[in-house]
Amino acid sequence: MASTKNTQEITLSDDRQILQSYGTTVAAFIPGRGYLQTDTKFSRTTSRHITQWIGELLPYATTVPHAELISLTDPITSRQ
């Protein structure tokens, strides 16, 4: 999924990939660990963003506390 008006994909220098929906980190791909998704329920649209981004590997994604995902991008903020 490419970044859109409501989503942003961030790739960090260590190859971690972060998905933000409406400016909130909601999913990530960590090399050697796999896909992570938030345990916090947001809107149906944000759930769809996560599903589209992770794709067919969604059944294998690990659900983690939202704070863990937020810590991946602190203090990074998106600029639009």
C-alpha atoms as a PDB file:
ATOM      1  CA  MET A   1       0.000   0.000   0.000  1.00  0.00           C
ATOM      2  CA  ALA A   2       1.423   3.338  -0.962  1.00  0.00           C
ATOM      3  CA  SER A   3       0.877   6.341   1.257  1.00  0.00           C
ATOM      4  CA  THR A   4      -2.472   8.030   0.684  1.00  0.00           C
ATOM      5  CA  LYS A   5      -4.313  11.030   2.054  1.00  0.00           C
ATOM      6  CA  ASN A   6      -5.215   9.097   5.233  1.00  0.00           C
ATOM      7  CA  THR A   7      -2.316   6.634   5.501  1.00  0.00           C
ATOM      8  CA  GLN A   8       1.425   6.900   5.568  1.00  0.00           C
ATOM      9  CA  GLU A   9       4.007   4.152   5.234  1.00  0.00           C
ATOM     10  CA  ILE A  10       7.339   4.904   6.860  1.00  0.00           C
ATOM     11  CA  THR A  11      10.488   2.864   6.233  1.00  0.00           C
ATOM     12  CA  LEU A  12      13.193   3.321   8.850  1.00  0.00           C
ATOM     13  CA  SER A  13      16.925   2.913   8.271  1.00  0.00           C
ATOM     14  CA  ASP A  14      16.888  -0.557   9.873  1.00  0.00           C
ATOM     15  CA  ASP A  15      14.205  -1.701   7.359  1.00  0.00           C
ATOM     16  CA  ARG A  16      11.336  -1.579   9.846  1.00  0.00           C
ATOM     17  CA  GLN A  17       8.159  -0.513   8.075  1.00  0.00           C
ATOM     18  CA  ILE A  18       5.472   1.416   9.907  1.00  0.00           C
ATOM     19  CA  LEU A  19       1.860   2.019   8.887  1.00  0.00           C
ATOM     20  CA  GLN A  20       0.109   5.098  10.161  1.00  0.00           C
ATOM     21  CA  SER A  21      -3.602   5.634   9.668  1.00  0.00           C
ATOM     22  CA  TYR A  22      -4.863   9.158  10.275  1.00  0.00           C
ATOM     23  CA  GLY A  23      -1.489   9.955  11.846  1.00  0.00           C
ATOM     24  CA  THR A  24      -1.576   7.072  14.353  1.00  0.00           C
ATOM     25  CA  THR A  25       0.813   4.123  14.184  1.00  0.00           C
ATOM     26  CA  VAL A  26      -1.380   1.028  13.817  1.00  0.00           C
ATOM     27  CA  ALA A  27       0.831  -1.668  12.261  1.00  0.00           C
ATOM     28  CA  ALA A  28       4.460  -2.499  11.520  1.00  0.00           C
ATOM     29  CA  PHE A  29       6.726  -4.968   9.816  1.00  0.00           C
ATOM     30  CA  ILE A  30       9.847  -5.839  11.803  1.00  0.00           C
ATOM     31  CA  PRO A  31      12.487  -7.920   9.957  1.00  0.00           C
ATOM     32  CA  GLY A  32      12.969 -11.195  11.821  1.00  0.00           C
ATOM     33  CA  ARG A  33       9.736 -10.730  13.754  1.00  0.00           C
ATOM     34  CA  GLY A  34       7.091 -10.210  11.084  1.00  0.00           C
ATOM     35  CA  TYR A  35       3.934  -8.136  10.981  1.00  0.00           C
ATOM     36  CA  LEU A  36       2.499  -6.516  14.096  1.00  0.00           C
ATOM     37  CA  GLN A  37      -0.917  -4.931  14.458  1.00  0.00           C
ATOM     38  CA  THR A  38      -2.423  -2.856  17.236  1.00  0.00           C
ATOM     39  CA  ASP A  39      -4.718  -4.363  19.839  1.00  0.00           C
ATOM     40  CA  THR A  40      -6.675  -1.110  19.948  1.00  0.00           C
ATOM     41  CA  LYS A  41      -9.870  -0.837  17.934  1.00  0.00           C
ATOM     42  CA  PHE A  42     -10.147   2.291  15.831  1.00  0.00           C
ATOM     43  CA  SER A  43     -12.529   3.006  12.964  1.00  0.00           C
ATOM     44  CA  ARG A  44     -13.615   0.508  10.319  1.00  0.00           C
ATOM     45  CA  THR A  45     -11.537   2.502   7.872  1.00  0.00           C
ATOM     46  CA  THR A  46      -8.388   2.096   9.974  1.00  0.00           C
ATOM     47  CA  SER A  47      -9.088  -1.638  10.264  1.00  0.00           C
ATOM     48  CA  ARG A  48      -9.352  -1.747   6.478  1.00  0.00           C
ATOM     49  CA  HIS A  49      -6.038   0.120   6.155  1.00  0.00           C
ATOM     50  CA  ILE A  50      -4.355  -2.519   8.344  1.00  0.00           C
ATOM     51  CA  THR A  51      -5.953  -5.389   6.427  1.00  0.00           C
ATOM     52  CA  GLN A  52      -4.928  -3.957   3.055  1.00  0.00           C
ATOM     53  CA  TRP A  53      -1.385  -3.182   4.194  1.00  0.00           C
ATOM     54  CA  ILE A  54      -0.645  -6.584   5.717  1.00  0.00           C
ATOM     55  CA  GLY A  55      -2.574  -8.378   2.982  1.00  0.00           C
ATOM     56  CA  GLU A  56      -2.707 -12.156   2.821  1.00  0.00           C
ATOM     57  CA  LEU A  57      -0.311 -12.465   5.772  1.00  0.00           C
ATOM     58  CA  LEU A  58      -2.892 -10.950   8.153  1.00  0.00           C
ATOM     59  CA  PRO A  59      -3.644 -14.344   9.803  1.00  0.00           C
ATOM     60  CA  TYR A  60       0.046 -14.523  10.779  1.00  0.00           C
ATOM     61  CA  ALA A  61       0.303 -10.983  12.162  1.00  0.00           C
ATOM     62  CA  THR A  62       0.930 -10.652  15.883  1.00  0.00           C
ATOM     63  CA  THR A  63      -1.429  -8.419  17.835  1.00  0.00           C
ATOM     64  CA  VAL A  64       0.530  -6.243  20.273  1.00  0.00           C
ATOM     65  CA  PRO A  65      -0.324  -3.488  22.766  1.00  0.00           C
ATOM     66  CA  HIS A  66      -0.799  -0.177  21.008  1.00  0.00           C
ATOM     67  CA  ALA A  67       1.918   1.391  23.182  1.00  0.00           C
ATOM     68  CA  GLU A  68       4.465  -1.021  21.692  1.00  0.00           C
ATOM     69  CA  LEU A  69       3.657   0.206  18.185  1.00  0.00           C
ATOM     70  CA  ILE A  70       3.782   3.839  19.273  1.00  0.00           C
ATOM     71  CA  SER A  71       7.245   3.289  20.755  1.00  0.00           C
ATOM     72  CA  LEU A  72       8.512   2.256  17.297  1.00  0.00           C
ATOM     73  CA  THR A  73       8.018   5.760  15.964  1.00  0.00           C
ATOM     74  CA  ASP A  74       8.589   8.002  18.978  1.00  0.00           C
ATOM     75  CA  PRO A  75       9.660  10.754  18.487  1.00  0.00           C
ATOM     76  CA  ILE A  76       8.965  10.549  14.730  1.00  0.00           C
ATOM     77  CA  THR A  77       5.996  12.580  13.593  1.00  0.00           C
ATOM     78  CA  SER A  78       4.507  12.651  10.132  1.00  0.00           C
ATOM     79  CA  ARG A  79       4.402  15.819   8.111  1.00  0.00           C
ATOM     80  CA  GLN A  80       1.835  16.235   5.412  1.00  0.00           C
END
